[in-house]
């Protein structure tokens, strides 16, 4: 069984600390058996102070990390102070002894810790948008992208603040076991299985007038018409806006331009059809609005690096067991 170990450090944020157990701990196979073993540890096994008004007792010390397949580090510091004041003694040593194939996930400002020990050098990463400038200044060797909810660099993943940790864990669940399992867990957690856009939609902006039109209804309508062409002019007309206003509002609300959002939704639909149905590849491509099997192959190769057939062989088998 895949073992997830959550490393709780002094000053840990309780909300983010509980995310891995809630997401991975809820995942089960078709036989009802748990897919993950989730454990929480501290560096020395002692109780951990939180950034709230309580302390958390844990069952394990850092030796639990030796058997981890995935390690999750929740935020534990604002990182405003000099690194010598917030970087836990022994953390670099503990992370350095992880197996080479162990996945490492940081949530929110825990990315500072990964960067401080060199794990993010020459990699793309993200953190909470409010800390992004400080991160760039401190770690210029890391390619910071503050517009996304999470970054998947293969072995190492970084998630933006708070709820983006849920997005990253659901993404890993989807990567491990497909969208059927991930979507089921998302429903149990009462969260969307995939959030549109990135952090851009959450950055402080003036609140729009209550009478301002939104693109929400048009987005919902588009999701039921993905098998059609959905040109920009048609989407704008559905929203009763000019094309220019529609594009501006759409980006403000989702963090993405309409075309990129549509492609994302179509690829997600295609992945679901490959997992949950036995439809021919060309039919999957058509039903998802991607046109031809060749187009579907190109989009999947760009998005996840595999062919439709390989994706189906991997995930259709897992979800049908």
Protein backbone atom coordinates (compact mmCIF):
# COMPACT_ATOMS: atom_id res chain seq x y z
CA UNK A 1 0.00 0.00 0.00
CA UNK A 2 1.21 3.50 -0.83
CA UNK A 3 2.35 5.22 2.35
CA UNK A 4 1.86 8.97 2.79
CA UNK A 5 3.73 10.58 5.67
CA UNK A 6 2.83 14.11 6.73
CA UNK A 7 5.67 15.98 8.42
CA UNK A 8 4.33 18.36 11.06
CA UNK A 9 6.77 21.09 12.10
CA UNK A 10 6.40 23.58 14.94
CA UNK A 11 4.05 26.38 13.96
CA UNK A 12 2.14 24.10 11.55
CA UNK A 13 -1.15 25.35 10.12
CA UNK A 14 -3.88 22.93 11.30
CA UNK A 15 -6.10 23.23 8.21
CA UNK A 16 -3.35 22.24 5.79
CA UNK A 17 -2.05 19.57 8.19
CA UNK A 18 -5.34 17.70 7.90
CA UNK A 19 -5.63 17.78 4.11
CA UNK A 20 -3.55 14.68 3.23
CA UNK A 21 -5.40 12.43 5.70
CA UNK A 22 -8.76 13.73 4.49
CA UNK A 23 -7.99 13.23 0.78
CA UNK A 24 -5.71 10.19 0.65
CA UNK A 25 -7.26 8.59 3.70
CA UNK A 26 -10.68 8.64 2.02
CA UNK A 27 -9.55 6.94 -1.20
CA UNK A 28 -10.62 3.33 -1.67
CA UNK A 29 -10.59 0.82 -4.50
CA UNK A 30 -13.66 -0.82 -5.97
CA UNK A 31 -13.38 -3.51 -3.29
CA UNK A 32 -13.59 -0.88 -0.57
CA UNK A 33 -9.99 -1.38 0.55
CA UNK A 34 -7.93 1.68 1.45
CA UNK A 35 -5.48 2.77 -1.23
CA UNK A 36 -3.18 4.77 1.06
CA UNK A 37 -1.74 4.46 4.55
CA UNK A 38 -1.49 8.01 5.96
CA UNK A 39 0.72 8.75 8.96
CA UNK A 40 1.71 11.99 10.67
CA UNK A 41 5.08 12.55 12.27
CA UNK A 42 7.23 15.27 13.79
CA UNK A 43 11.00 15.46 13.63
CA UNK A 44 11.45 13.95 17.07
CA UNK A 45 8.03 12.41 17.76
CA UNK A 46 7.19 15.12 20.30
CA UNK A 47 3.93 17.13 20.25
CA UNK A 48 3.93 19.97 17.74
CA UNK A 49 2.88 23.55 18.33
CA UNK A 50 0.41 24.91 15.80
CA UNK A 51 -0.09 28.50 14.71
CA UNK A 52 -3.43 28.34 16.56
CA UNK A 53 -4.10 27.98 20.28
CA UNK A 54 -3.49 24.25 20.60
CA UNK A 55 -0.78 21.61 20.31
CA UNK A 56 -0.96 18.39 18.30
CA UNK A 57 0.34 15.03 19.50
CA UNK A 58 1.72 12.71 16.81
CA UNK A 59 2.38 8.97 16.80
CA UNK A 60 5.65 8.91 14.88
CA UNK A 61 9.05 10.56 14.66
CA UNK A 62 11.03 11.27 11.50
CA UNK A 63 11.99 7.59 11.10
CA UNK A 64 8.51 7.19 9.57
CA UNK A 65 9.82 9.11 6.56
CA UNK A 66 12.19 6.27 5.72
CA UNK A 67 9.23 4.15 4.56
CA UNK A 68 7.31 6.97 2.88
CA UNK A 69 6.25 6.81 -0.76
CA UNK A 70 4.94 10.39 -0.55
CA UNK A 71 5.95 13.05 1.98
CA UNK A 72 3.72 16.08 2.52
CA UNK A 73 4.96 19.18 4.34
CA UNK A 74 2.21 21.61 5.39
CA UNK A 75 3.06 25.29 6.00
CA UNK A 76 4.61 25.99 9.38
CA UNK A 77 5.98 29.51 9.19
CA UNK A 78 5.34 32.84 7.53
CA UNK A 79 9.02 32.86 6.62
CA UNK A 80 9.19 36.59 7.33
CA UNK A 81 12.12 36.09 9.67
CA UNK A 82 15.67 35.21 8.58
CA UNK A 83 16.05 31.61 7.50
CA UNK A 84 18.21 30.80 10.53
CA UNK A 85 15.25 31.60 12.77
CA UNK A 86 12.51 29.55 11.08
CA UNK A 87 14.32 26.67 9.37
CA UNK A 88 13.95 23.64 11.69
CA UNK A 89 17.21 22.08 12.77
CA UNK A 90 17.61 18.67 11.20
CA UNK A 91 15.07 19.18 8.40
CA UNK A 92 17.69 19.21 5.65
CA UNK A 93 19.21 16.00 7.00
CA UNK A 94 15.82 14.28 7.21
CA UNK A 95 14.83 15.27 3.67
CA UNK A 96 18.26 14.31 2.37
CA UNK A 97 17.87 10.71 3.48
CA UNK A 98 14.56 10.14 1.66
CA UNK A 99 14.59 7.45 -1.00
CA UNK A 100 15.28 8.86 -4.49
CA UNK A 101 11.80 7.84 -5.68
CA UNK A 102 9.90 9.37 -2.73
CA UNK A 103 7.46 12.09 -3.82
CA UNK A 104 7.65 15.34 -1.91
CA UNK A 105 4.75 17.78 -1.68
CA UNK A 106 4.87 21.23 -0.10
CA UNK A 107 1.74 23.20 0.70
CA UNK A 108 1.76 26.99 0.78
CA UNK A 109 4.89 28.53 2.34
CA UNK A 110 6.42 25.11 3.02
CA UNK A 111 7.91 25.65 -0.44
CA UNK A 112 10.40 27.95 1.31
CA UNK A 113 11.76 24.96 3.21
CA UNK A 114 12.15 22.84 0.06
CA UNK A 115 13.92 25.72 -1.67
CA UNK A 116 16.18 26.34 1.32
CA UNK A 117 17.55 22.78 1.16
CA UNK A 118 18.03 22.95 -2.61
CA UNK A 119 15.21 20.64 -3.70
CA UNK A 120 13.65 23.26 -5.96
CA UNK A 121 16.82 24.48 -7.70
CA UNK A 122 16.21 24.95 -11.44
CA UNK A 123 12.64 23.76 -11.02
CA UNK A 124 9.31 25.49 -11.44
CA UNK A 125 7.42 25.95 -8.17
CA UNK A 126 4.62 27.90 -6.57
CA UNK A 127 3.61 29.21 -3.16
CA UNK A 128 0.95 31.53 -1.80
CA UNK A 129 0.70 34.60 -4.02
CA UNK A 130 1.30 36.93 -1.05
CA UNK A 131 4.69 35.32 -0.43
CA UNK A 132 5.73 35.00 -4.08
CA UNK A 133 7.82 38.18 -4.32
CA UNK A 134 9.64 37.34 -1.11
CA UNK A 135 10.28 33.84 -2.45
CA UNK A 136 11.67 35.15 -5.75
CA UNK A 137 14.01 37.50 -3.93
CA UNK A 138 15.28 34.77 -1.60
CA UNK A 139 15.50 31.94 -4.17
CA UNK A 140 16.26 33.34 -7.64
CA UNK A 141 17.39 29.88 -8.76
CA UNK A 142 13.77 28.64 -8.57
CA UNK A 143 11.29 29.45 -11.35
CA UNK A 144 8.42 30.84 -9.28
CA UNK A 145 4.95 30.80 -10.86
CA UNK A 146 2.47 32.54 -8.57
CA UNK A 147 -0.44 32.23 -11.03
CA UNK A 148 -1.10 28.50 -10.62
CA UNK A 149 -2.73 26.43 -7.91
CA UNK A 150 0.01 23.80 -7.92
CA UNK A 151 3.07 22.72 -9.91
CA UNK A 152 3.81 19.08 -10.70
CA UNK A 153 7.50 18.56 -11.43
CA UNK A 154 7.28 14.79 -11.27
CA UNK A 155 8.90 13.81 -7.99
CA UNK A 156 8.34 17.21 -6.36
CA UNK A 157 5.06 19.10 -6.21
CA UNK A 158 4.39 22.53 -4.74
CA UNK A 159 0.93 23.84 -3.94
CA UNK A 160 -0.25 27.39 -3.39
CA UNK A 161 -1.93 28.44 -0.17
CA UNK A 162 -4.47 26.54 1.92
CA UNK A 163 -7.15 24.91 -0.25
CA UNK A 164 -4.71 24.52 -3.14
CA UNK A 165 -3.29 21.70 -1.05
CA UNK A 166 -6.56 19.88 -1.69
CA UNK A 167 -6.15 20.50 -5.43
CA UNK A 168 -2.63 19.07 -5.37
CA UNK A 169 -3.63 15.98 -3.37
CA UNK A 170 -6.59 15.30 -5.68
CA UNK A 171 -4.22 15.71 -8.63
CA UNK A 172 -1.92 13.07 -7.19
CA UNK A 173 -4.89 10.82 -6.51
CA UNK A 174 -5.94 11.25 -10.12
CA UNK A 175 -2.39 10.56 -11.28
CA UNK A 176 -2.19 7.40 -9.17
CA UNK A 177 -5.67 5.94 -9.66
CA UNK A 178 -7.57 7.95 -12.29
CA UNK A 179 -10.37 10.47 -12.22
CA UNK A 180 -13.10 8.05 -11.08
CA UNK A 181 -11.37 7.56 -7.71
CA UNK A 182 -10.36 11.23 -7.46
CA UNK A 183 -13.86 12.45 -8.31
CA UNK A 184 -15.38 10.16 -5.68
CA UNK A 185 -13.06 11.54 -3.00
CA UNK A 186 -13.82 15.10 -4.13
CA UNK A 187 -17.54 14.45 -3.75
CA UNK A 188 -17.03 13.07 -0.24
CA UNK A 189 -15.01 16.18 0.64
CA UNK A 190 -17.65 18.38 -1.04
CA UNK A 191 -15.07 20.12 -3.23
CA UNK A 192 -14.75 20.33 -7.02
CA UNK A 193 -12.52 17.57 -8.45
CA UNK A 194 -10.68 20.17 -10.53
CA UNK A 195 -10.78 23.92 -9.97
CA UNK A 196 -10.70 26.21 -12.95
CA UNK A 197 -7.84 28.63 -13.44
CA UNK A 198 -5.13 29.51 -10.99
CA UNK A 199 -4.28 31.87 -8.14
CA UNK A 200 -4.85 34.91 -10.34
CA UNK A 201 -8.56 34.76 -9.60
CA UNK A 202 -7.91 35.07 -5.84
CA UNK A 203 -5.47 37.98 -5.79
CA UNK A 204 -6.87 41.11 -4.16
CA UNK A 205 -8.88 43.20 -6.60
CA UNK A 206 -11.68 45.73 -6.24
CA UNK A 207 -14.98 43.94 -5.67
CA UNK A 208 -17.17 44.21 -8.79
CA UNK A 209 -20.54 45.86 -8.63
CA UNK A 210 -23.30 43.42 -7.63
CA UNK A 211 -25.03 44.06 -10.93
CA UNK A 212 -21.96 43.07 -12.97
CA UNK A 213 -22.62 40.19 -15.34
CA UNK A 214 -20.55 37.04 -14.89
CA UNK A 215 -19.52 34.22 -17.19
CA UNK A 216 -20.55 31.47 -14.75
CA UNK A 217 -23.75 30.51 -16.57
CA UNK A 218 -21.95 30.41 -19.90
CA UNK A 219 -19.22 28.20 -18.47
CA UNK A 220 -21.84 25.81 -17.12
CA UNK A 221 -23.57 25.80 -20.50
CA UNK A 222 -20.29 25.18 -22.33
CA UNK A 223 -19.60 22.10 -20.23
CA UNK A 224 -22.79 20.53 -21.63
CA UNK A 225 -21.79 21.38 -25.22
CA UNK A 226 -18.13 20.38 -25.31
CA UNK A 227 -18.73 18.16 -28.34
CA UNK A 228 -19.51 21.26 -30.43
CA UNK A 229 -17.16 23.94 -31.79
CA UNK A 230 -18.02 26.68 -29.23
CA UNK A 231 -16.45 29.67 -31.00
CA UNK A 232 -15.64 32.71 -28.90
CA UNK A 233 -18.37 34.81 -30.50
CA UNK A 234 -20.99 32.19 -29.57
CA UNK A 235 -19.81 32.09 -25.95
CA UNK A 236 -19.90 35.90 -25.73
CA UNK A 237 -23.37 35.98 -27.26
CA UNK A 238 -24.59 33.41 -24.74
CA UNK A 239 -23.29 35.63 -21.94
CA UNK A 240 -24.86 38.69 -23.60
CA UNK A 241 -21.51 40.48 -23.74
CA UNK A 242 -19.20 41.80 -26.39
CA UNK A 243 -16.27 39.51 -27.17
CA UNK A 244 -13.85 41.94 -25.56
CA UNK A 245 -15.88 42.24 -22.34
CA UNK A 246 -16.46 38.50 -22.22
CA UNK A 247 -12.74 37.71 -22.52
CA UNK A 248 -11.87 40.22 -19.81
CA UNK A 249 -14.55 38.95 -17.39
CA UNK A 250 -13.70 35.32 -18.16
CA UNK A 251 -10.04 35.80 -17.28
CA UNK A 252 -10.92 37.77 -14.14
CA UNK A 253 -13.18 34.97 -12.93
CA UNK A 254 -11.15 31.89 -13.92
CA UNK A 255 -7.58 33.09 -14.33
CA UNK A 256 -7.56 31.65 -17.87
CA UNK A 257 -8.50 32.84 -21.36
CA UNK A 258 -11.63 31.11 -22.77
CA UNK A 259 -9.74 28.99 -25.31
CA UNK A 260 -7.31 27.58 -22.76
CA UNK A 261 -10.14 26.87 -20.33
CA UNK A 262 -12.11 25.02 -23.01
CA UNK A 263 -9.12 22.89 -23.94
CA UNK A 264 -8.59 22.02 -20.29
CA UNK A 265 -12.21 20.95 -19.90
CA UNK A 266 -12.13 18.89 -23.12
CA UNK A 267 -8.98 17.04 -22.11
CA UNK A 268 -10.51 16.33 -18.72
CA UNK A 269 -13.67 15.01 -20.40
CA UNK A 270 -11.60 12.81 -22.69
CA UNK A 271 -9.67 11.39 -19.75
CA UNK A 272 -12.92 10.54 -17.98
CA UNK A 273 -14.31 8.82 -21.09
CA UNK A 274 -11.12 6.81 -21.53
CA UNK A 275 -11.34 5.62 -17.94
CA UNK A 276 -15.05 5.04 -17.56
CA UNK A 277 -16.15 3.82 -21.01
CA UNK A 278 -15.07 1.48 -23.80
CA UNK A 279 -15.79 4.02 -26.55
CA UNK A 280 -13.38 3.93 -29.51
CA UNK A 281 -10.62 6.55 -29.37
CA UNK A 282 -12.05 8.56 -32.27
CA UNK A 283 -15.46 8.64 -30.56
CA UNK A 284 -13.86 9.83 -27.31
CA UNK A 285 -12.12 12.61 -29.23
CA UNK A 286 -15.38 13.65 -30.89
CA UNK A 287 -17.47 13.56 -27.71
CA UNK A 288 -14.86 15.66 -25.89
CA UNK A 289 -14.79 18.22 -28.69
CA UNK A 290 -11.18 17.50 -29.65
CA UNK A 291 -12.09 16.48 -33.20
CA UNK A 292 -9.95 13.54 -34.25
CA UNK A 293 -8.02 10.76 -32.58
CA UNK A 294 -4.82 12.44 -33.76
CA UNK A 295 -5.83 15.67 -32.02
CA UNK A 296 -6.64 13.76 -28.83
CA UNK A 297 -3.24 12.04 -28.96
CA UNK A 298 -1.52 15.39 -29.33
CA UNK A 299 -3.40 16.98 -26.43
CA UNK A 300 -2.80 14.04 -24.09
CA UNK A 301 0.87 13.90 -25.01
CA UNK A 302 1.18 17.60 -24.23
CA UNK A 303 -0.81 17.40 -21.00
CA UNK A 304 0.28 14.13 -19.40
CA UNK A 305 2.84 12.65 -21.77
CA UNK A 306 1.03 9.45 -22.78
CA UNK A 307 -1.16 8.21 -25.63
CA UNK A 308 -4.92 7.63 -25.25
CA UNK A 309 -4.39 3.88 -25.49
CA UNK A 310 -1.70 3.87 -22.82
CA UNK A 311 -3.81 6.08 -20.57
CA UNK A 312 -6.81 3.76 -20.92
CA UNK A 313 -4.71 0.66 -20.26
CA UNK A 314 -3.41 2.21 -17.06
CA UNK A 315 -6.51 3.80 -15.59
CA UNK A 316 -9.39 1.83 -17.07
CA UNK A 317 -7.91 -1.33 -15.58
CA UNK A 318 -7.40 0.29 -12.18
CA UNK A 319 -10.89 1.68 -11.89
CA UNK A 320 -12.59 -1.50 -13.07
CA UNK A 321 -10.91 -3.77 -10.52
